[in-house]
Amino acid sequence: MYRTPNLEAKLELLMSLAGDDREGLPTRQLPPRLKHANDVGALRPLNLRPVRIGNAARTTLMRILMTNACSFNCHYCPMRRDRDMPRTLLKPAELVRIFLAAVARDWCTGLFITTGIPGRPVKVMDDLIEVLALLREHHNFAGYIHVKMIPGAQEAQIERLTSLATRVSLNLEAPCGDSLARIAPEKDLSRTLVSLERVRSRVNERRSEEREGRPRDALHPGGTAGMTMQFVVGATPDTDRTILGKMSQLYAGHGIHHTHFAAFRPIRDTPLENVRATPAVREQRLYQTDYLLRDYGFESHEVVFDADGNLPLAHDPKTAWALAHPEFFPLEVRTASREQLLRVPGIGPASARRIVVERSTTQARGLADLRAMGVVTTRAAGFLTLGGRPLQSVRWSEQLGFWRPDEEVGAYHLLYDVSPGTFR
């Protein structure tokens, strides 16, 4: 009976496709640049990761790191130039062969490409473009391709790469140039923002053409899935208010789908290895706030910050807003608008829509009916009334702990070999 290989076996098989397959060799021989590909842990070339893309069903992306070699020396990065570690490099034709073999075996349906920057950024961009051109124009691959663009690309390269990609992302790392210079002295935020604007222009132009009736070209999608960008949180003194302010400013120009946040992790053998890790809950609070601004109708001036300009860690941002505005609560379920319901902790877009639709034909009688409509009643009940009757007397209760989420008492200083946010 045939058994599907486990993940490690799949990756091992795919990696072997990068080897020398000249006639007469009994087995594929990996070139020297790939001999230690598995010795670098999370920084090895291949990874398979299931993700949800838009409203589509769960999709499996193959994440490919073209190379973990880099000429930049960013203080927080596991691939920094001065770090002693095995280095690997996949050439464009090898990458394409590996990915198409995985697609043929139904192991993945889409591709995410990222890379270090060994030498000149222009040469690395040429390699990225070659990968996408081979897939799109030679092998007619019409599926999802997300590529992480590097700083320092030429305008013509940006235009070509964007035309071939479904989504393009850029790592901003920090919200202002001065703080970025402290952790990445060879990077220039202003140059990266110029690249972002060039990609954004192409994305907005293609979206406008499609709205006017131009058919979508699956082989040249023009980045119409929208851009993404990333901030490293906690590596610099930048507050959440500053990060979200920059994010909102960039969203205003359209073309950006969402933002990634990577909580700083001290990487072994880097200048920041003795800096405390950023609490993972801070990253979570930033993601939650991003959702409020994009999907829940919140404005940036409504976000609640603490005295230091950061998001409260003890409450999610919607709860923090609700507790800061008692004048809007309790809210009557049977008459509240969808927009009002979206302001209630524990009610999301789908459950708010369902409440509004179903209450015209059926009458909710209690918490069980609300739970059936997708409401997280343990969070929402204290903010609601049903027929004028409060659903819960306590508005919000917080579990007791030995210390608050923002305290570091007793926390062990763990060193990492790679940050979880490196390849988002």
Protein backbone atom coordinates (compact mmCIF):
# COMPACT_ATOMS: atom_id res chain seq x y z
CA MET A 1 0.00 0.00 0.00
CA TYR A 2 1.34 3.43 -0.97
CA ARG A 3 1.80 5.83 1.90
CA THR A 4 2.11 9.58 1.46
CA PRO A 5 5.62 10.65 2.50
CA ASN A 6 5.91 12.76 5.62
CA LEU A 7 6.99 16.38 5.33
CA GLU A 8 10.70 15.66 5.84
CA ALA A 9 10.68 12.97 3.17
CA LYS A 10 8.90 15.28 0.75
CA LEU A 11 11.42 18.06 1.27
CA GLU A 12 14.34 15.62 0.98
CA LEU A 13 13.00 14.32 -2.32
CA LEU A 14 12.39 17.79 -3.68
CA MET A 15 15.84 18.94 -2.62
CA SER A 16 17.38 16.04 -4.51
CA LEU A 17 15.96 17.52 -7.72
CA ALA A 18 18.50 20.31 -7.41
CA GLY A 19 21.29 17.77 -7.80
CA ASP A 20 23.36 16.87 -10.80
CA ASP A 21 21.41 14.38 -12.94
CA ARG A 22 23.91 13.85 -15.74
CA GLU A 23 23.68 10.51 -17.49
CA GLY A 24 25.60 7.71 -15.83
CA LEU A 25 25.39 8.98 -12.25
CA PRO A 26 23.71 6.44 -9.98
CA THR A 27 22.29 9.14 -7.74
CA ARG A 28 21.86 12.88 -7.95
CA GLN A 29 24.87 14.69 -6.54
CA LEU A 30 24.16 17.94 -4.75
CA PRO A 31 26.56 20.74 -5.70
CA PRO A 32 28.81 22.10 -2.93
CA ARG A 33 26.58 25.15 -2.37
CA LEU A 34 23.77 22.79 -1.31
CA LYS A 35 25.73 20.15 0.59
CA HIS A 36 24.76 21.57 3.98
CA ALA A 37 21.25 22.70 3.07
CA ASN A 38 19.69 20.77 5.95
CA ASP A 39 22.27 21.97 8.49
CA VAL A 40 20.73 25.42 8.80
CA GLY A 41 17.39 24.40 10.32
CA ALA A 42 14.62 26.89 9.56
CA LEU A 43 16.92 28.68 7.10
CA ARG A 44 17.07 25.75 4.73
CA PRO A 45 15.76 26.37 1.21
CA LEU A 46 12.39 24.57 1.32
CA ASN A 47 9.31 24.64 3.50
CA LEU A 48 5.67 23.65 2.96
CA ARG A 49 3.12 25.76 4.78
CA PRO A 50 -0.70 25.73 4.53
CA VAL A 51 -2.23 29.21 4.37
CA ARG A 52 -5.57 30.78 3.48
CA ILE A 53 -5.41 33.13 0.50
CA GLY A 54 -8.31 35.57 0.38
CA ASN A 55 -11.64 33.77 0.63
CA ALA A 56 -10.31 30.65 -1.05
CA ALA A 57 -10.09 27.25 0.57
CA ARG A 58 -6.98 26.41 2.52
CA THR A 59 -4.00 26.48 0.16
CA THR A 60 -0.54 25.00 0.59
CA LEU A 61 2.32 27.31 -0.30
CA MET A 62 5.83 26.13 -0.87
CA ARG A 63 8.08 28.66 0.80
CA ILE A 64 11.46 28.82 -0.90
CA LEU A 65 14.49 30.69 0.39
CA MET A 66 16.65 31.15 -2.70
CA THR A 67 19.70 31.77 -0.55
CA ASN A 68 20.52 32.43 3.09
CA ALA A 69 23.73 34.20 2.02
CA CYS A 70 23.57 37.96 2.53
CA SER A 71 25.89 40.92 2.17
CA PHE A 72 23.83 43.00 4.62
CA ASN A 73 24.73 42.98 8.32
CA CYS A 74 21.42 43.77 10.04
CA HIS A 75 21.79 43.42 13.81
CA TYR A 76 18.60 41.36 14.30
CA CYS A 77 18.79 39.03 11.31
CA PRO A 78 19.74 35.33 11.44
CA MET A 79 21.21 35.61 7.92
CA ARG A 80 23.44 38.62 8.67
CA ARG A 81 26.80 38.70 6.88
CA ASP A 82 29.05 38.23 9.94
CA ARG A 83 27.16 35.26 11.40
CA ASP A 84 29.04 31.98 11.12
CA MET A 85 26.64 29.48 9.55
CA PRO A 86 26.34 27.19 6.50
CA ARG A 87 25.17 29.06 3.41
CA THR A 88 23.10 27.64 0.55
CA LEU A 89 21.98 28.88 -2.86
CA LEU A 90 19.29 27.66 -5.25
CA LYS A 91 19.63 28.79 -8.84
CA PRO A 92 16.47 29.92 -10.69
CA ALA A 93 16.17 26.80 -12.88
CA GLU A 94 16.63 24.54 -9.83
CA LEU A 95 13.98 26.43 -7.90
CA VAL A 96 11.51 26.13 -10.77
CA ARG A 97 12.19 22.38 -11.18
CA ILE A 98 11.67 21.75 -7.46
CA PHE A 99 8.45 23.74 -7.27
CA LEU A 100 6.86 22.21 -10.38
CA ALA A 101 7.71 18.74 -9.10
CA ALA A 102 5.89 19.55 -5.85
CA VAL A 103 2.86 20.86 -7.77
CA ALA A 104 2.79 17.73 -9.93
CA ARG A 105 2.62 15.61 -6.77
CA ASP A 106 -0.20 17.78 -5.30
CA TRP A 107 2.05 18.77 -2.38
CA CYS A 108 1.44 22.47 -2.95
CA THR A 109 -0.55 24.81 -5.15
CA GLY A 110 1.26 28.13 -4.71
CA LEU A 111 4.69 29.62 -4.18
CA PHE A 112 6.23 32.09 -1.75
CA ILE A 113 9.77 33.24 -2.60
CA THR A 114 12.14 35.13 -0.35
CA THR A 115 15.90 35.50 -0.38
CA GLY A 116 18.98 36.91 1.23
CA ILE A 117 20.94 39.52 -0.71
CA PRO A 118 24.39 38.22 -1.63
CA GLY A 119 26.24 40.94 -3.48
CA ARG A 120 24.39 43.40 -5.70
CA PRO A 121 20.60 43.74 -5.25
CA VAL A 122 20.21 44.17 -9.02
CA LYS A 123 21.62 40.66 -9.66
CA VAL A 124 19.33 39.13 -7.01
CA MET A 125 16.31 40.86 -8.58
CA ASP A 126 17.30 39.45 -11.97
CA ASP A 127 17.26 35.95 -10.45
CA LEU A 128 13.82 36.50 -8.90
CA ILE A 129 12.47 37.76 -12.22
CA GLU A 130 13.96 34.76 -14.02
CA VAL A 131 12.14 32.39 -11.66
CA LEU A 132 8.79 34.07 -12.24
CA ALA A 133 9.32 34.39 -15.99
CA LEU A 134 10.16 30.69 -16.31
CA LEU A 135 7.08 29.68 -14.33
CA ARG A 136 4.66 32.06 -16.02
CA GLU A 137 5.87 32.34 -19.60
CA HIS A 138 7.66 29.03 -20.18
CA HIS A 139 5.69 26.58 -18.02
CA ASN A 140 2.37 28.51 -18.05
CA PHE A 141 1.92 28.30 -14.28
CA ALA A 142 -1.16 30.43 -13.54
CA GLY A 143 -1.34 29.85 -9.79
CA TYR A 144 -0.52 32.02 -6.80
CA ILE A 145 3.01 33.47 -6.54
CA HIS A 146 4.02 35.74 -3.68
CA VAL A 147 7.49 37.25 -3.95
CA LYS A 148 9.36 39.27 -1.35
CA MET A 149 11.11 42.12 -3.16
CA ILE A 150 14.48 43.36 -1.98
CA PRO A 151 15.63 46.97 -1.48
CA GLY A 152 17.78 48.55 -4.16
CA ALA A 153 15.93 47.26 -7.24
CA GLN A 154 15.80 49.24 -10.46
CA GLU A 155 12.50 50.68 -11.67
CA ALA A 156 12.32 48.41 -14.74
CA GLN A 157 12.94 45.37 -12.53
CA ILE A 158 10.17 46.42 -10.15
CA GLU A 159 7.73 46.78 -13.04
CA ARG A 160 8.65 43.39 -14.52
CA LEU A 161 8.52 41.55 -11.18
CA THR A 162 5.17 43.08 -10.25
CA SER A 163 3.65 42.16 -13.61
CA LEU A 164 4.48 38.48 -13.02
CA ALA A 165 3.58 38.20 -9.31
CA THR A 166 0.22 37.70 -7.67
CA ARG A 167 1.43 39.52 -4.57
CA VAL A 168 4.58 41.52 -3.78
CA SER A 169 5.81 42.22 -0.26
CA LEU A 170 8.45 44.52 1.20
CA ASN A 171 10.13 44.46 4.61
CA LEU A 172 10.09 47.96 6.09
CA GLU A 173 11.30 46.61 9.47
CA ALA A 174 10.89 49.98 11.25
CA PRO A 175 8.47 52.91 10.86
CA CYS A 176 11.13 55.62 10.60
CA GLY A 177 14.58 55.87 9.06
CA ASP A 178 16.45 56.83 12.23
CA SER A 179 15.31 53.75 14.15
CA LEU A 180 15.95 51.48 11.15
CA ALA A 181 19.53 52.79 10.94
CA ARG A 182 20.12 51.60 14.52
CA ILE A 183 19.41 47.95 13.66
CA ALA A 184 20.13 47.86 9.90
CA PRO A 185 22.80 50.48 9.13
CA GLU A 186 23.08 49.44 5.48
CA LYS A 187 19.36 49.83 4.76
CA ASP A 188 17.68 53.07 3.79
CA LEU A 189 13.96 53.31 4.60
CA SER A 190 13.42 56.17 2.17
CA ARG A 191 14.71 54.03 -0.71
CA THR A 192 12.50 51.13 0.34
CA LEU A 193 9.47 53.44 0.43
CA VAL A 194 10.30 54.61 -3.10
CA SER A 195 10.20 50.94 -4.21
CA LEU A 196 6.93 50.45 -2.34
CA GLU A 197 5.36 53.40 -4.15
CA ARG A 198 6.51 52.06 -7.51
CA VAL A 199 4.96 48.66 -6.83
CA ARG A 200 1.82 50.30 -5.44
CA SER A 201 1.47 52.39 -8.62
CA ARG A 202 1.55 49.26 -10.78
CA VAL A 203 -0.91 47.40 -8.53
CA ASN A 204 -3.39 50.29 -8.43
CA GLU A 205 -3.10 50.77 -12.18
CA ARG A 206 -3.84 47.11 -12.91
CA ARG A 207 -6.75 47.06 -10.46
CA SER A 208 -8.20 50.16 -12.10
CA GLU A 209 -7.94 48.54 -15.53
CA GLU A 210 -9.77 45.44 -14.29
CA ARG A 211 -12.55 47.56 -12.78
CA GLU A 212 -12.96 49.15 -16.21
CA GLY A 213 -13.37 45.74 -17.83
CA ARG A 214 -9.89 44.51 -18.68
CA PRO A 215 -9.84 40.69 -18.31
CA ARG A 216 -7.42 39.37 -15.69
CA ASP A 217 -4.29 37.82 -17.17
CA ALA A 218 -3.50 34.82 -14.95
CA LEU A 219 0.07 34.67 -16.26
CA HIS A 220 0.65 38.40 -15.69
CA PRO A 221 -1.57 39.22 -12.69
CA GLY A 222 0.20 42.50 -11.91
CA GLY A 223 0.19 42.08 -8.12
CA THR A 224 -3.59 42.51 -7.96
CA ALA A 225 -3.82 40.44 -4.76
CA GLY A 226 -2.34 43.51 -3.06
CA MET A 227 0.97 44.20 -1.38
CA THR A 228 2.09 43.26 2.10
CA MET A 229 4.71 44.88 4.32
CA GLN A 230 6.44 43.85 7.55
CA PHE A 231 7.65 45.53 10.73
CA VAL A 232 9.99 44.02 13.31
CA VAL A 233 8.36 44.88 16.65
CA GLY A 234 10.55 45.58 19.68
CA ALA A 235 13.97 45.64 18.05
CA THR A 236 13.79 49.46 18.12
CA PRO A 237 12.19 51.82 20.68
CA ASP A 238 9.34 52.63 18.27
CA THR A 239 5.95 52.50 19.99
CA ASP A 240 2.85 50.78 18.69
CA ARG A 241 1.37 54.23 18.09
CA THR A 242 4.27 55.07 15.74
CA ILE A 243 4.10 51.72 13.93
CA LEU A 244 0.32 51.91 13.43
CA GLY A 245 0.60 55.55 12.38
CA LYS A 246 3.02 54.65 9.59
CA MET A 247 0.85 51.67 8.64
CA SER A 248 -2.31 53.82 8.39
CA GLN A 249 -0.44 56.44 6.39
CA LEU A 250 0.65 53.81 3.86
CA TYR A 251 -2.80 52.19 3.70
CA ALA A 252 -4.26 55.54 2.62
CA GLY A 253 -2.59 55.18 -0.79
CA HIS A 254 -4.42 51.86 -1.45
CA GLY A 255 -2.85 48.80 -3.04
CA ILE A 256 -1.67 47.31 0.29
CA HIS A 257 -3.63 44.27 1.43
CA HIS A 258 -2.30 43.82 4.95
CA THR A 259 0.69 44.17 7.26
CA HIS A 260 2.84 41.54 8.95
CA PHE A 261 4.30 42.10 12.40
CA ALA A 262 7.24 40.05 13.71
CA ALA A 263 7.89 40.17 17.45
CA PHE A 264 11.63 40.60 17.94
CA ARG A 265 13.52 37.49 19.00
CA PRO A 266 17.18 37.63 20.13
CA ILE A 267 19.14 35.62 17.58
CA ARG A 268 22.23 33.77 18.66
CA ASP A 269 25.52 35.32 17.50
CA THR A 270 24.04 38.70 16.60
CA PRO A 271 24.61 42.13 18.23
CA LEU A 272 21.10 42.02 19.73
CA GLU A 273 21.34 38.58 21.30
CA ASN A 274 21.22 40.04 24.82
CA VAL A 275 18.12 42.17 24.17
CA ARG A 276 14.90 40.88 25.70
CA ALA A 277 12.45 39.17 23.37
CA THR A 278 9.29 41.11 22.62
CA PRO A 279 6.20 39.47 24.19
CA ALA A 280 4.32 37.50 21.53
CA VAL A 281 1.09 39.06 22.77
CA ARG A 282 2.31 42.47 21.57
CA GLU A 283 2.55 41.10 18.04
CA GLN A 284 -0.95 39.64 18.46
CA ARG A 285 -2.37 42.99 19.61
CA LEU A 286 -0.94 44.71 16.52
CA TYR A 287 -2.53 42.11 14.23
CA GLN A 288 -5.86 42.54 16.03
CA THR A 289 -5.67 46.31 15.62
CA ASP A 290 -4.86 45.92 11.93
CA TYR A 291 -8.04 43.83 11.54
CA LEU A 292 -10.09 46.50 13.34
CA LEU A 293 -8.82 49.18 10.97
CA ARG A 294 -9.28 47.10 7.80
CA ASP A 295 -12.41 45.02 8.48
CA TYR A 296 -14.33 46.50 11.41
CA GLY A 297 -14.73 50.14 10.47
CA PHE A 298 -12.48 51.55 13.19
CA GLU A 299 -10.49 54.73 12.58
CA SER A 300 -6.86 55.09 13.64
CA HIS A 301 -7.74 57.86 16.13
CA GLU A 302 -10.04 55.42 17.97
CA VAL A 303 -7.26 52.99 18.90
CA VAL A 304 -6.60 52.97 22.66
CA PHE A 305 -2.96 53.22 23.77
CA ASP A 306 -1.40 53.17 27.21
CA ALA A 307 0.67 55.99 28.67
CA ASP A 308 3.77 54.77 26.81
CA GLY A 309 2.06 54.80 23.42
CA ASN A 310 1.68 51.02 23.22
CA LEU A 311 -1.40 48.83 22.95
CA PRO A 312 -2.60 47.43 26.29
CA LEU A 313 -1.48 43.81 26.56
CA ALA A 314 -4.12 42.74 29.10
CA HIS A 315 -7.04 43.42 26.71
CA ASP A 316 -7.50 43.00 22.99
CA PRO A 317 -7.87 46.37 21.21
CA LYS A 318 -11.62 46.09 20.66
CA THR A 319 -12.22 45.36 24.34
CA ALA A 320 -9.91 48.22 25.30
CA TRP A 321 -12.00 50.56 23.13
CA ALA A 322 -15.29 49.24 24.53
CA LEU A 323 -14.13 49.67 28.13
CA ALA A 324 -12.97 53.20 27.33
CA HIS A 325 -16.42 54.10 25.91
CA PRO A 326 -19.08 52.90 28.38
CA GLU A 327 -21.52 55.45 26.91
CA PHE A 328 -22.11 53.13 23.92
CA PHE A 329 -23.06 50.09 26.00
CA PRO A 330 -24.99 47.95 26.68
CA LEU A 331 -26.16 47.53 23.11
CA GLU A 332 -29.58 46.10 22.23
CA VAL A 333 -29.17 43.07 19.97
CA ARG A 334 -32.60 43.38 18.34
CA THR A 335 -32.16 46.96 17.10
CA ALA A 336 -28.42 47.66 16.80
CA SER A 337 -27.00 48.24 13.33
CA ARG A 338 -24.34 45.99 11.83
CA GLU A 339 -21.77 48.76 12.35
CA GLN A 340 -22.71 49.02 16.04
CA LEU A 341 -22.56 45.26 16.51
CA LEU A 342 -19.07 45.18 15.02
CA ARG A 343 -17.94 47.33 17.96
CA VAL A 344 -18.88 44.62 20.49
CA PRO A 345 -16.08 42.32 21.71
CA GLY A 346 -16.80 38.78 20.58
CA ILE A 347 -18.80 39.80 17.47
CA GLY A 348 -17.05 39.64 14.11
CA PRO A 349 -18.16 40.59 10.58
CA ALA A 350 -19.83 37.23 9.87
CA SER A 351 -21.77 37.04 13.16
CA ALA A 352 -22.81 40.73 12.96
CA ARG A 353 -24.15 40.16 9.45
CA ARG A 354 -25.96 37.01 10.52
CA ILE A 355 -27.62 38.72 13.50
CA VAL A 356 -28.97 41.51 11.26
CA VAL A 357 -30.23 39.05 8.61
CA GLU A 358 -31.81 36.48 10.94
CA ARG A 359 -33.51 38.83 13.37
CA SER A 360 -35.92 39.88 10.59
CA THR A 361 -37.41 36.37 10.55
CA THR A 362 -36.50 34.83 13.92
CA GLN A 363 -36.13 36.21 17.42
CA ALA A 364 -33.05 35.45 19.50
CA ARG A 365 -34.07 34.40 23.00
CA GLY A 366 -30.78 34.04 24.83
CA LEU A 367 -27.06 33.33 24.76
CA ALA A 368 -27.51 29.95 23.10
CA ASP A 369 -29.13 31.56 20.06
CA LEU A 370 -26.33 34.12 19.83
CA ARG A 371 -23.70 31.38 20.08
CA ALA A 372 -25.43 29.60 17.21
CA MET A 373 -24.93 32.76 15.13
CA GLY A 374 -21.19 32.77 15.84
CA VAL A 375 -21.04 35.21 18.75
CA VAL A 376 -18.36 34.54 21.39
CA THR A 377 -20.79 35.08 24.22
CA THR A 378 -18.21 34.80 26.99
CA ARG A 379 -16.78 38.07 25.68
CA ALA A 380 -19.87 39.77 24.26
CA ALA A 381 -22.56 39.12 26.89
CA GLY A 382 -21.55 41.90 29.26
CA PHE A 383 -21.90 44.47 26.48
CA LEU A 384 -25.37 43.42 25.24
CA THR A 385 -29.03 43.48 26.14
CA LEU A 386 -31.75 41.31 24.59
CA GLY A 387 -35.23 42.80 24.69
CA GLY A 388 -33.96 45.30 27.25
CA ARG A 389 -32.67 42.55 29.54
CA PRO A 390 -28.92 42.50 30.33
CA LEU A 391 -27.36 39.22 29.24
CA GLN A 392 -24.64 39.33 31.88
CA SER A 393 -24.10 41.50 34.91
CA VAL A 394 -20.28 41.48 34.70
CA ARG A 395 -19.03 43.41 31.68
CA TRP A 396 -15.61 41.86 31.47
CA SER A 397 -13.52 39.65 33.68
CA GLU A 398 -9.84 38.90 33.31
CA GLN A 399 -8.22 35.69 34.38
CA LEU A 400 -5.80 36.08 37.26
CA GLY A 401 -2.14 35.35 36.68
CA PHE A 402 1.09 35.46 38.61
CA TRP A 403 2.15 38.53 36.62
CA ARG A 404 0.69 40.75 33.92
CA PRO A 405 1.48 40.00 30.25
CA ASP A 406 3.75 43.04 30.03
CA GLU A 407 5.89 42.03 32.99
CA GLU A 408 9.11 40.07 32.59
CA VAL A 409 9.43 38.81 36.15
CA GLY A 410 10.80 35.29 36.06
CA ALA A 411 10.98 35.19 32.27
CA TYR A 412 13.79 33.05 30.87
CA HIS A 413 16.00 34.74 28.26
CA LEU A 414 15.80 32.31 25.37
CA LEU A 415 18.14 32.65 22.40
CA TYR A 416 16.87 31.71 18.93
CA ASP A 417 18.59 30.55 15.78
CA VAL A 418 15.90 32.10 13.58
CA SER A 419 12.98 34.44 14.21
CA PRO A 420 9.46 33.04 13.62
CA GLY A 421 8.70 36.17 11.56
CA THR A 422 11.65 35.88 9.19
CA PHE A 423 9.67 34.46 6.26
CA ARG A 424 6.29 36.17 6.49
